[in-house]
Amino acid sequence: MKRIGFQFKVRQDRLEEYKAHHQHVWPEMLDALRAAGWHNYTLFLREDGLVFGYFETEESLAVAQANMAATEVNTRWQEFMSPFTDSHARPDESFVELEAYFHLD
């Protein structure tokens, strides 16, 4: 299982609304993430809007993203969430993958 870390930015003026939507992620989106191989998926948010995401997968970030891109629900979710990012791009297209350089079991 590979550990994946990534980051992207959320607009500071939309942080509370962004977090609120993640308290009620659509069940079909959660099912799609699981089916696409996203395990132990967690999002962390800094006060300035920087998001750090973490998940585990059998493949890579690129493969996990491609698996999700093939789903209709992901397209709807990304379009729904795009106004919350600084660039107004789809959040899943603005991920910056981070290098894993230390792990303690």
PDB file of N, CA and C in Angstrom:
ATOM      1  N   MET A   1       0.858  -1.176   0.000  1.00  0.00           N
ATOM      2  CA  MET A   1       0.000   0.000   0.000  1.00  0.00           C
ATOM      3  C   MET A   1       0.897   1.230   0.000  1.00  0.00           C
ATOM      4  N   LYS A   2       0.621   2.146  -0.881  1.00  0.00           N
ATOM      5  CA  LYS A   2       1.404   3.381  -0.968  1.00  0.00           C
ATOM      6  C   LYS A   2       0.698   4.490  -0.199  1.00  0.00           C
ATOM      7  N   ARG A   3       1.484   5.308   0.481  1.00  0.00           N
ATOM      8  CA  ARG A   3       0.971   6.476   1.197  1.00  0.00           C
ATOM      9  C   ARG A   3       1.109   7.691   0.281  1.00  0.00           C
ATOM     10  N   ILE A   4       0.032   8.417   0.112  1.00  0.00           N
ATOM     11  CA  ILE A   4       0.018   9.576  -0.778  1.00  0.00           C
ATOM     12  C   ILE A   4      -0.300  10.826   0.040  1.00  0.00           C
ATOM     13  N   GLY A   5       0.521  11.848  -0.112  1.00  0.00           N
ATOM     14  CA  GLY A   5       0.252  13.151   0.486  1.00  0.00           C
ATOM     15  C   GLY A   5       0.175  14.188  -0.618  1.00  0.00           C
ATOM     16  N   PHE A   6      -0.765  15.111  -0.479  1.00  0.00           N
ATOM     17  CA  PHE A   6      -0.910  16.161  -1.480  1.00  0.00           C
ATOM     18  C   PHE A   6      -1.443  17.420  -0.807  1.00  0.00           C
ATOM     19  N   GLN A   7      -1.331  18.522  -1.530  1.00  0.00           N
ATOM     20  CA  GLN A   7      -1.879  19.770  -1.012  1.00  0.00           C
ATOM     21  C   GLN A   7      -2.546  20.562  -2.123  1.00  0.00           C
ATOM     22  N   PHE A   8      -3.454  21.434  -1.714  1.00  0.00           N
ATOM     23  CA  PHE A   8      -4.072  22.418  -2.594  1.00  0.00           C
ATOM     24  C   PHE A   8      -4.614  23.527  -1.704  1.00  0.00           C
ATOM     25  N   LYS A   9      -5.116  24.563  -2.291  1.00  0.00           N
ATOM     26  CA  LYS A   9      -5.517  25.753  -1.535  1.00  0.00           C
ATOM     27  C   LYS A   9      -7.008  26.014  -1.693  1.00  0.00           C
ATOM     28  N   VAL A  10      -7.643  26.344  -0.567  1.00  0.00           N
ATOM     29  CA  VAL A  10      -9.050  26.737  -0.525  1.00  0.00           C
ATOM     30  C   VAL A  10      -9.106  28.227  -0.213  1.00  0.00           C
ATOM     31  N   ARG A  11     -10.065  28.912  -0.793  1.00  0.00           N
ATOM     32  CA  ARG A  11     -10.224  30.343  -0.531  1.00  0.00           C
ATOM     33  C   ARG A  11     -10.508  30.566   0.956  1.00  0.00           C
ATOM     34  N   GLN A  12      -9.782  31.493   1.549  1.00  0.00           N
ATOM     35  CA  GLN A  12      -9.904  31.759   2.975  1.00  0.00           C
ATOM     36  C   GLN A  12     -11.306  32.239   3.342  1.00  0.00           C
ATOM     37  N   ASP A  13     -11.944  32.991   2.466  1.00  0.00           N
ATOM     38  CA  ASP A  13     -13.279  33.509   2.763  1.00  0.00           C
ATOM     39  C   ASP A  13     -14.378  32.452   2.634  1.00  0.00           C
ATOM     40  N   ARG A  14     -14.017  31.221   2.211  1.00  0.00           N
ATOM     41  CA  ARG A  14     -15.009  30.154   2.040  1.00  0.00           C
ATOM     42  C   ARG A  14     -14.703  28.930   2.901  1.00  0.00           C
ATOM     43  N   LEU A  15     -13.769  29.076   3.860  1.00  0.00           N
ATOM     44  CA  LEU A  15     -13.308  27.919   4.631  1.00  0.00           C
ATOM     45  C   LEU A  15     -14.429  27.225   5.402  1.00  0.00           C
ATOM     46  N   GLU A  16     -15.250  27.977   6.096  1.00  0.00           N
ATOM     47  CA  GLU A  16     -16.290  27.362   6.923  1.00  0.00           C
ATOM     48  C   GLU A  16     -17.301  26.607   6.059  1.00  0.00           C
ATOM     49  N   GLU A  17     -17.686  27.203   4.957  1.00  0.00           N
ATOM     50  CA  GLU A  17     -18.624  26.540   4.051  1.00  0.00           C
ATOM     51  C   GLU A  17     -17.991  25.285   3.438  1.00  0.00           C
ATOM     52  N   TYR A  18     -16.718  25.397   3.059  1.00  0.00           N
ATOM     53  CA  TYR A  18     -15.983  24.247   2.507  1.00  0.00           C
ATOM     54  C   TYR A  18     -15.970  23.095   3.509  1.00  0.00           C
ATOM     55  N   LYS A  19     -15.637  23.402   4.761  1.00  0.00           N
ATOM     56  CA  LYS A  19     -15.611  22.353   5.795  1.00  0.00           C
ATOM     57  C   LYS A  19     -17.002  21.766   6.021  1.00  0.00           C
ATOM     58  N   ALA A  20     -18.018  22.614   6.016  1.00  0.00           N
ATOM     59  CA  ALA A  20     -19.386  22.140   6.241  1.00  0.00           C
ATOM     60  C   ALA A  20     -19.805  21.133   5.171  1.00  0.00           C
ATOM     61  N   HIS A  21     -19.439  21.378   3.925  1.00  0.00           N
ATOM     62  CA  HIS A  21     -19.789  20.434   2.857  1.00  0.00           C
ATOM     63  C   HIS A  21     -19.121  19.086   3.083  1.00  0.00           C
ATOM     64  N   HIS A  22     -17.962  19.084   3.699  1.00  0.00           N
ATOM     65  CA  HIS A  22     -17.273  17.824   3.950  1.00  0.00           C
ATOM     66  C   HIS A  22     -17.836  17.073   5.157  1.00  0.00           C
ATOM     67  N   GLN A  23     -18.737  17.673   5.879  1.00  0.00           N
ATOM     68  CA  GLN A  23     -19.449  16.959   6.934  1.00  0.00           C
ATOM     69  C   GLN A  23     -20.603  16.150   6.354  1.00  0.00           C
ATOM     70  N   HIS A  24     -20.932  16.426   5.084  1.00  0.00           N
ATOM     71  CA  HIS A  24     -22.058  15.768   4.432  1.00  0.00           C
ATOM     72  C   HIS A  24     -21.688  15.365   3.010  1.00  0.00           C
ATOM     73  N   VAL A  25     -20.554  14.702   2.859  1.00  0.00           N
ATOM     74  CA  VAL A  25     -20.140  14.237   1.528  1.00  0.00           C
ATOM     75  C   VAL A  25     -21.191  13.244   1.032  1.00  0.00           C
ATOM     76  N   TRP A  26     -21.548  13.390  -0.229  1.00  0.00           N
ATOM     77  CA  TRP A  26     -22.574  12.536  -0.818  1.00  0.00           C
ATOM     78  C   TRP A  26     -22.189  11.058  -0.669  1.00  0.00           C
ATOM     79  N   PRO A  27     -23.113  10.215  -0.245  1.00  0.00           N
ATOM     80  CA  PRO A  27     -22.801   8.781  -0.094  1.00  0.00           C
ATOM     81  C   PRO A  27     -22.243   8.148  -1.359  1.00  0.00           C
ATOM     82  N   GLU A  28     -22.747   8.554  -2.536  1.00  0.00           N
ATOM     83  CA  GLU A  28     -22.240   7.966  -3.782  1.00  0.00           C
ATOM     84  C   GLU A  28     -20.806   8.409  -4.069  1.00  0.00           C
ATOM     85  N   MET A  29     -20.405   9.573  -3.556  1.00  0.00           N
ATOM     86  CA  MET A  29     -19.013  10.014  -3.689  1.00  0.00           C
ATOM     87  C   MET A  29     -18.116   9.172  -2.781  1.00  0.00           C
ATOM     88  N   LEU A  30     -18.558   8.920  -1.576  1.00  0.00           N
ATOM     89  CA  LEU A  30     -17.792   8.070  -0.654  1.00  0.00           C
ATOM     90  C   LEU A  30     -17.631   6.664  -1.235  1.00  0.00           C
ATOM     91  N   ASP A  31     -18.703   6.132  -1.799  1.00  0.00           N
ATOM     92  CA  ASP A  31     -18.639   4.805  -2.427  1.00  0.00           C
ATOM     93  C   ASP A  31     -17.655   4.792  -3.589  1.00  0.00           C
ATOM     94  N   ALA A  32     -17.663   5.859  -4.398  1.00  0.00           N
ATOM     95  CA  ALA A  32     -16.755   5.932  -5.545  1.00  0.00           C
ATOM     96  C   ALA A  32     -15.303   5.988  -5.089  1.00  0.00           C
ATOM     97  N   LEU A  33     -15.022   6.754  -4.045  1.00  0.00           N
ATOM     98  CA  LEU A  33     -13.654   6.822  -3.520  1.00  0.00           C
ATOM     99  C   LEU A  33     -13.182   5.442  -3.071  1.00  0.00           C
ATOM    100  N   ARG A  34     -14.023   4.758  -2.334  1.00  0.00           N
ATOM    101  CA  ARG A  34     -13.650   3.405  -1.871  1.00  0.00           C
ATOM    102  C   ARG A  34     -13.414   2.470  -3.058  1.00  0.00           C
ATOM    103  N   ALA A  35     -14.322   2.503  -4.024  1.00  0.00           N
ATOM    104  CA  ALA A  35     -14.201   1.622  -5.195  1.00  0.00           C
ATOM    105  C   ALA A  35     -12.959   1.948  -6.024  1.00  0.00           C
ATOM    106  N   ALA A  36     -12.531   3.214  -6.004  1.00  0.00           N
ATOM    107  CA  ALA A  36     -11.352   3.642  -6.762  1.00  0.00           C
ATOM    108  C   ALA A  36     -10.052   3.382  -6.011  1.00  0.00           C
ATOM    109  N   GLY A  37     -10.146   2.807  -4.811  1.00  0.00           N
ATOM    110  CA  GLY A  37      -8.942   2.418  -4.093  1.00  0.00           C
ATOM    111  C   GLY A  37      -8.385   3.455  -3.139  1.00  0.00           C
ATOM    112  N   TRP A  38      -9.190   4.434  -2.714  1.00  0.00           N
ATOM    113  CA  TRP A  38      -8.748   5.444  -1.749  1.00  0.00           C
ATOM    114  C   TRP A  38      -9.048   4.912  -0.349  1.00  0.00           C
ATOM    115  N   HIS A  39      -8.006   4.674   0.448  1.00  0.00           N
ATOM    116  CA  HIS A  39      -8.164   4.138   1.804  1.00  0.00           C
ATOM    117  C   HIS A  39      -7.546   5.108   2.814  1.00  0.00           C
ATOM    118  N   ASN A  40      -8.135   5.162   4.002  1.00  0.00           N
ATOM    119  CA  ASN A  40      -7.632   6.034   5.077  1.00  0.00           C
ATOM    120  C   ASN A  40      -7.482   7.480   4.591  1.00  0.00           C
ATOM    121  N   TYR A  41      -8.432   7.932   3.827  1.00  0.00           N
ATOM    122  CA  TYR A  41      -8.405   9.273   3.235  1.00  0.00           C
ATOM    123  C   TYR A  41      -8.727  10.302   4.313  1.00  0.00           C
ATOM    124  N   THR A  42      -7.842  11.264   4.472  1.00  0.00           N
ATOM    125  CA  THR A  42      -8.000  12.302   5.486  1.00  0.00           C
ATOM    126  C   THR A  42      -7.595  13.644   4.892  1.00  0.00           C
ATOM    127  N   LEU A  43      -8.350  14.689   5.236  1.00  0.00           N
ATOM    128  CA  LEU A  43      -8.007  16.049   4.835  1.00  0.00           C
ATOM    129  C   LEU A  43      -7.736  16.887   6.078  1.00  0.00           C
ATOM    130  N   PHE A  44      -6.689  17.686   6.020  1.00  0.00           N
ATOM    131  CA  PHE A  44      -6.312  18.597   7.095  1.00  0.00           C
ATOM    132  C   PHE A  44      -6.318  20.006   6.525  1.00  0.00           C
ATOM    133  N   LEU A  45      -6.736  20.976   7.310  1.00  0.00           N
ATOM    134  CA  LEU A  45      -6.868  22.343   6.821  1.00  0.00           C
ATOM    135  C   LEU A  45      -6.151  23.318   7.743  1.00  0.00           C
ATOM    136  N   ARG A  46      -5.308  24.151   7.138  1.00  0.00           N
ATOM    137  CA  ARG A  46      -4.657  25.226   7.869  1.00  0.00           C
ATOM    138  C   ARG A  46      -5.554  26.457   7.841  1.00  0.00           C
ATOM    139  N   GLU A  47      -5.361  27.378   8.775  1.00  0.00           N
ATOM    140  CA  GLU A  47      -6.196  28.584   8.864  1.00  0.00           C
ATOM    141  C   GLU A  47      -6.158  29.438   7.601  1.00  0.00           C
ATOM    142  N   ASP A  48      -5.058  29.373   6.853  1.00  0.00           N
ATOM    143  CA  ASP A  48      -4.941  30.183   5.639  1.00  0.00           C
ATOM    144  C   ASP A  48      -5.528  29.502   4.405  1.00  0.00           C
ATOM    145  N   GLY A  49      -6.127  28.318   4.577  1.00  0.00           N
ATOM    146  CA  GLY A  49      -6.769  27.628   3.473  1.00  0.00           C
ATOM    147  C   GLY A  49      -5.936  26.543   2.816  1.00  0.00           C
ATOM    148  N   LEU A  50      -4.719  26.335   3.280  1.00  0.00           N
ATOM    149  CA  LEU A  50      -3.904  25.263   2.712  1.00  0.00           C
ATOM    150  C   LEU A  50      -4.439  23.922   3.209  1.00  0.00           C
ATOM    151  N   VAL A  51      -4.746  23.055   2.265  1.00  0.00           N
ATOM    152  CA  VAL A  51      -5.254  21.723   2.575  1.00  0.00           C
ATOM    153  C   VAL A  51      -4.134  20.715   2.367  1.00  0.00           C
ATOM    154  N   PHE A  52      -3.966  19.837   3.338  1.00  0.00           N
ATOM    155  CA  PHE A  52      -3.083  18.688   3.200  1.00  0.00           C
ATOM    156  C   PHE A  52      -3.975  17.466   3.179  1.00  0.00           C
ATOM    157  N   GLY A  53      -3.842  16.664   2.122  1.00  0.00           N
ATOM    158  CA  GLY A  53      -4.608  15.432   2.009  1.00  0.00           C
ATOM    159  C   GLY A  53      -3.701  14.231   2.106  1.00  0.00           C
ATOM    160  N   TYR A  54      -4.239  13.160   2.670  1.00  0.00           N
ATOM    161  CA  TYR A  54      -3.497  11.916   2.825  1.00  0.00           C
ATOM    162  C   TYR A  54      -4.434  10.758   2.522  1.00  0.00           C
ATOM    163  N   PHE A  55      -3.951   9.782   1.766  1.00  0.00           N
ATOM    164  CA  PHE A  55      -4.673   8.526   1.614  1.00  0.00           C
ATOM    165  C   PHE A  55      -3.687   7.430   1.246  1.00  0.00           C
ATOM    166  N   GLU A  56      -4.166   6.209   1.313  1.00  0.00           N
ATOM    167  CA  GLU A  56      -3.363   5.054   0.949  1.00  0.00           C
ATOM    168  C   GLU A  56      -4.037   4.382  -0.236  1.00  0.00           C
ATOM    169  N   THR A  57      -3.206   3.861  -1.145  1.00  0.00           N
ATOM    170  CA  THR A  57      -3.726   3.227  -2.352  1.00  0.00           C
ATOM    171  C   THR A  57      -2.740   2.175  -2.848  1.00  0.00           C
ATOM    172  N   GLU A  58      -3.220   1.281  -3.648  1.00  0.00           N
ATOM    173  CA  GLU A  58      -2.362   0.236  -4.212  1.00  0.00           C
ATOM    174  C   GLU A  58      -1.457   0.772  -5.317  1.00  0.00           C
ATOM    175  N   GLU A  59      -1.877   1.823  -6.004  1.00  0.00           N
ATOM    176  CA  GLU A  59      -1.157   2.309  -7.169  1.00  0.00           C
ATOM    177  C   GLU A  59      -0.419   3.615  -6.885  1.00  0.00           C
ATOM    178  N   SER A  60      -0.882   4.686  -7.464  1.00  0.00           N
ATOM    179  CA  SER A  60      -0.245   5.999  -7.348  1.00  0.00           C
ATOM    180  C   SER A  60      -1.333   7.062  -7.291  1.00  0.00           C
ATOM    181  N   LEU A  61      -0.936   8.302  -7.009  1.00  0.00           N
ATOM    182  CA  LEU A  61      -1.891   9.402  -7.043  1.00  0.00           C
ATOM    183  C   LEU A  61      -2.521   9.502  -8.424  1.00  0.00           C
ATOM    184  N   ALA A  62      -1.713   9.419  -9.466  1.00  0.00           N
ATOM    185  CA  ALA A  62      -2.223   9.549 -10.833  1.00  0.00           C
ATOM    186  C   ALA A  62      -3.268   8.476 -11.152  1.00  0.00           C
ATOM    187  N   VAL A  63      -3.008   7.252 -10.768  1.00  0.00           N
ATOM    188  CA  VAL A  63      -3.959   6.165 -11.033  1.00  0.00           C
ATOM    189  C   VAL A  63      -5.221   6.359 -10.197  1.00  0.00           C
ATOM    190  N   ALA A  64      -5.063   6.724  -8.930  1.00  0.00           N
ATOM    191  CA  ALA A  64      -6.221   6.954  -8.067  1.00  0.00           C
ATOM    192  C   ALA A  64      -7.081   8.096  -8.613  1.00  0.00           C
ATOM    193  N   GLN A  65      -6.434   9.141  -9.102  1.00  0.00           N
ATOM    194  CA  GLN A  65      -7.181  10.263  -9.687  1.00  0.00           C
ATOM    195  C   GLN A  65      -7.882   9.830 -10.978  1.00  0.00           C
ATOM    196  N   ALA A  66      -7.212   9.059 -11.792  1.00  0.00           N
ATOM    197  CA  ALA A  66      -7.815   8.581 -13.044  1.00  0.00           C
ATOM    198  C   ALA A  66      -9.028   7.701 -12.759  1.00  0.00           C
ATOM    199  N   ASN A  67      -8.922   6.855 -11.747  1.00  0.00           N
ATOM    200  CA  ASN A  67     -10.056   6.013 -11.368  1.00  0.00           C
ATOM    201  C   ASN A  67     -11.254   6.870 -10.968  1.00  0.00           C
ATOM    202  N   MET A  68     -11.006   7.939 -10.231  1.00  0.00           N
ATOM    203  CA  MET A  68     -12.091   8.827  -9.828  1.00  0.00           C
ATOM    204  C   MET A  68     -12.597   9.652 -11.007  1.00  0.00           C
ATOM    205  N   ALA A  69     -11.712  10.086 -11.878  1.00  0.00           N
ATOM    206  CA  ALA A  69     -12.107  10.901 -13.031  1.00  0.00           C
ATOM    207  C   ALA A  69     -13.075  10.148 -13.944  1.00  0.00           C
ATOM    208  N   ALA A  70     -13.024   8.836 -13.890  1.00  0.00           N
ATOM    209  CA  ALA A  70     -13.897   8.011 -14.727  1.00  0.00           C
ATOM    210  C   ALA A  70     -15.317   7.924 -14.175  1.00  0.00           C
ATOM    211  N   THR A  71     -15.564   8.505 -13.010  1.00  0.00           N
ATOM    212  CA  THR A  71     -16.893   8.422 -12.410  1.00  0.00           C
ATOM    213  C   THR A  71     -17.662   9.722 -12.610  1.00  0.00           C
ATOM    214  N   GLU A  72     -18.947   9.571 -12.832  1.00  0.00           N
ATOM    215  CA  GLU A  72     -19.815  10.732 -13.027  1.00  0.00           C
ATOM    216  C   GLU A  72     -19.962  11.535 -11.735  1.00  0.00           C
ATOM    217  N   VAL A  73     -20.016  10.842 -10.602  1.00  0.00           N
ATOM    218  CA  VAL A  73     -20.207  11.547  -9.329  1.00  0.00           C
ATOM    219  C   VAL A  73     -19.002  12.428  -9.012  1.00  0.00           C
ATOM    220  N   ASN A  74     -17.814  11.998  -9.369  1.00  0.00           N
ATOM    221  CA  ASN A  74     -16.638  12.825  -9.124  1.00  0.00           C
ATOM    222  C   ASN A  74     -16.689  14.112  -9.936  1.00  0.00           C
ATOM    223  N   THR A  75     -17.140  14.024 -11.174  1.00  0.00           N
ATOM    224  CA  THR A  75     -17.274  15.229 -12.002  1.00  0.00           C
ATOM    225  C   THR A  75     -18.230  16.215 -11.341  1.00  0.00           C
ATOM    226  N   ARG A  76     -19.369  15.711 -10.860  1.00  0.00           N
ATOM    227  CA  ARG A  76     -20.330  16.588 -10.182  1.00  0.00           C
ATOM    228  C   ARG A  76     -19.750  17.192  -8.904  1.00  0.00           C
ATOM    229  N   TRP A  77     -19.053  16.369  -8.105  1.00  0.00           N
ATOM    230  CA  TRP A  77     -18.474  16.856  -6.841  1.00  0.00           C
ATOM    231  C   TRP A  77     -17.407  17.910  -7.109  1.00  0.00           C
ATOM    232  N   GLN A  78     -16.532  17.667  -8.070  1.00  0.00           N
ATOM    233  CA  GLN A  78     -15.459  18.611  -8.358  1.00  0.00           C
ATOM    234  C   GLN A  78     -16.015  19.934  -8.884  1.00  0.00           C
ATOM    235  N   GLU A  79     -17.037  19.878  -9.706  1.00  0.00           N
ATOM    236  CA  GLU A  79     -17.670  21.108 -10.181  1.00  0.00           C
ATOM    237  C   GLU A  79     -18.342  21.857  -9.034  1.00  0.00           C
ATOM    238  N   PHE A  80     -18.955  21.118  -8.119  1.00  0.00           N
ATOM    239  CA  PHE A  80     -19.599  21.701  -6.952  1.00  0.00           C
ATOM    240  C   PHE A  80     -18.579  22.384  -6.036  1.00  0.00           C
ATOM    241  N   MET A  81     -17.392  21.788  -5.890  1.00  0.00           N
ATOM    242  CA  MET A  81     -16.376  22.297  -4.970  1.00  0.00           C
ATOM    243  C   MET A  81     -15.438  23.314  -5.610  1.00  0.00           C
ATOM    244  N   SER A  82     -15.420  23.449  -6.929  1.00  0.00           N
ATOM    245  CA  SER A  82     -14.461  24.337  -7.585  1.00  0.00           C
ATOM    246  C   SER A  82     -14.555  25.800  -7.162  1.00  0.00           C
ATOM    247  N   PRO A  83     -15.714  26.360  -6.814  1.00  0.00           N
ATOM    248  CA  PRO A  83     -15.737  27.757  -6.366  1.00  0.00           C
ATOM    249  C   PRO A  83     -14.980  28.002  -5.050  1.00  0.00           C
ATOM    250  N   PHE A  84     -14.626  26.944  -4.356  1.00  0.00           N
ATOM    251  CA  PHE A  84     -13.944  27.092  -3.081  1.00  0.00           C
ATOM    252  C   PHE A  84     -12.423  27.179  -3.206  1.00  0.00           C
ATOM    253  N   THR A  85     -11.894  26.860  -4.381  1.00  0.00           N
ATOM    254  CA  THR A  85     -10.443  26.901  -4.549  1.00  0.00           C
ATOM    255  C   THR A  85     -10.008  28.282  -5.022  1.00  0.00           C
ATOM    256  N   ASP A  86      -8.769  28.619  -4.728  1.00  0.00           N
ATOM    257  CA  ASP A  86      -8.224  29.911  -5.127  1.00  0.00           C
ATOM    258  C   ASP A  86      -8.233  30.104  -6.632  1.00  0.00           C
ATOM    259  N   SER A  87      -8.022  29.039  -7.376  1.00  0.00           N
ATOM    260  CA  SER A  87      -7.911  29.156  -8.825  1.00  0.00           C
ATOM    261  C   SER A  87      -9.243  28.926  -9.530  1.00  0.00           C
ATOM    262  N   HIS A  88     -10.258  28.538  -8.810  1.00  0.00           N
ATOM    263  CA  HIS A  88     -11.548  28.143  -9.372  1.00  0.00           C
ATOM    264  C   HIS A  88     -11.420  26.943 -10.294  1.00  0.00           C
ATOM    265  N   ALA A  89     -10.295  26.253 -10.215  1.00  0.00           N
ATOM    266  CA  ALA A  89     -10.122  25.012 -10.960  1.00  0.00           C
ATOM    267  C   ALA A  89     -10.762  23.883 -10.156  1.00  0.00           C
ATOM    268  N   ARG A  90     -10.952  22.758 -10.812  1.00  0.00           N
ATOM    269  CA  ARG A  90     -11.415  21.588 -10.069  1.00  0.00           C
ATOM    270  C   ARG A  90     -10.362  21.263  -9.019  1.00  0.00           C
ATOM    271  N   PRO A  91     -10.772  21.071  -7.779  1.00  0.00           N
ATOM    272  CA  PRO A  91      -9.779  20.776  -6.748  1.00  0.00           C
ATOM    273  C   PRO A  91      -8.891  19.584  -7.092  1.00  0.00           C
ATOM    274  N   ASP A  92      -9.466  18.528  -7.679  1.00  0.00           N
ATOM    275  CA  ASP A  92      -8.669  17.336  -7.968  1.00  0.00           C
ATOM    276  C   ASP A  92      -7.650  17.555  -9.078  1.00  0.00           C
ATOM    277  N   GLU A  93      -7.749  18.662  -9.805  1.00  0.00           N
ATOM    278  CA  GLU A  93      -6.763  18.973 -10.838  1.00  0.00           C
ATOM    279  C   GLU A  93      -5.682  19.921 -10.337  1.00  0.00           C
ATOM    280  N   SER A  94      -5.797  20.342  -9.089  1.00  0.00           N
ATOM    281  CA  SER A  94      -4.793  21.262  -8.543  1.00  0.00           C
ATOM    282  C   SER A  94      -3.960  20.624  -7.434  1.00  0.00           C
ATOM    283  N   PHE A  95      -4.083  19.308  -7.266  1.00  0.00           N
ATOM    284  CA  PHE A  95      -3.292  18.618  -6.244  1.00  0.00           C
ATOM    285  C   PHE A  95      -1.802  18.728  -6.569  1.00  0.00           C
ATOM    286  N   VAL A  96      -1.016  19.052  -5.575  1.00  0.00           N
ATOM    287  CA  VAL A  96       0.440  19.009  -5.679  1.00  0.00           C
ATOM    288  C   VAL A  96       0.887  17.845  -4.798  1.00  0.00           C
ATOM    289  N   GLU A  97       1.436  16.811  -5.421  1.00  0.00           N
ATOM    290  CA  GLU A  97       1.856  15.640  -4.654  1.00  0.00           C
ATOM    291  C   GLU A  97       3.107  15.976  -3.856  1.00  0.00           C
ATOM    292  N   LEU A  98       3.147  15.477  -2.632  1.00  0.00           N
ATOM    293  CA  LEU A  98       4.266  15.715  -1.742  1.00  0.00           C
ATOM    294  C   LEU A  98       5.118  14.452  -1.628  1.00  0.00           C
ATOM    295  N   GLU A  99       6.407  14.646  -1.476  1.00  0.00           N
ATOM    296  CA  GLU A  99       7.334  13.527  -1.334  1.00  0.00           C
ATOM    297  C   GLU A  99       7.276  12.979   0.087  1.00  0.00           C
ATOM    298  N   ALA A 100       7.090  11.672   0.210  1.00  0.00           N
ATOM    299  CA  ALA A 100       7.169  11.013   1.516  1.00  0.00           C
ATOM    300  C   ALA A 100       8.644  10.730   1.788  1.00  0.00           C
ATOM    301  N   TYR A 101       9.158  11.223   2.897  1.00  0.00           N
ATOM    302  CA  TYR A 101      10.574  11.026   3.171  1.00  0.00           C
ATOM    303  C   TYR A 101      10.861  10.410   4.534  1.00  0.00           C
ATOM    304  N   PHE A 102       9.826  10.168   5.341  1.00  0.00           N
ATOM    305  CA  PHE A 102      10.022   9.500   6.622  1.00  0.00           C
ATOM    306  C   PHE A 102       8.707   8.886   7.062  1.00  0.00           C
ATOM    307  N   HIS A 103       8.786   7.691   7.662  1.00  0.00           N
ATOM    308  CA  HIS A 103       7.616   7.033   8.205  1.00  0.00           C
ATOM    309  C   HIS A 103       8.056   6.163   9.380  1.00  0.00           C
ATOM    310  N   LEU A 104       7.297   6.197  10.447  1.00  0.00           N
ATOM    311  CA  LEU A 104       7.547   5.359  11.619  1.00  0.00           C
ATOM    312  C   LEU A 104       6.330   4.480  11.837  1.00  0.00           C
ATOM    313  N   ASP A 105       6.509   3.174  11.772  1.00  0.00           N
ATOM    314  CA  ASP A 105       5.401   2.246  12.074  1.00  0.00           C
ATOM    315  C   ASP A 105       5.204   2.151  13.560  1.00  0.00           C
TER     316      ASP A 105
END
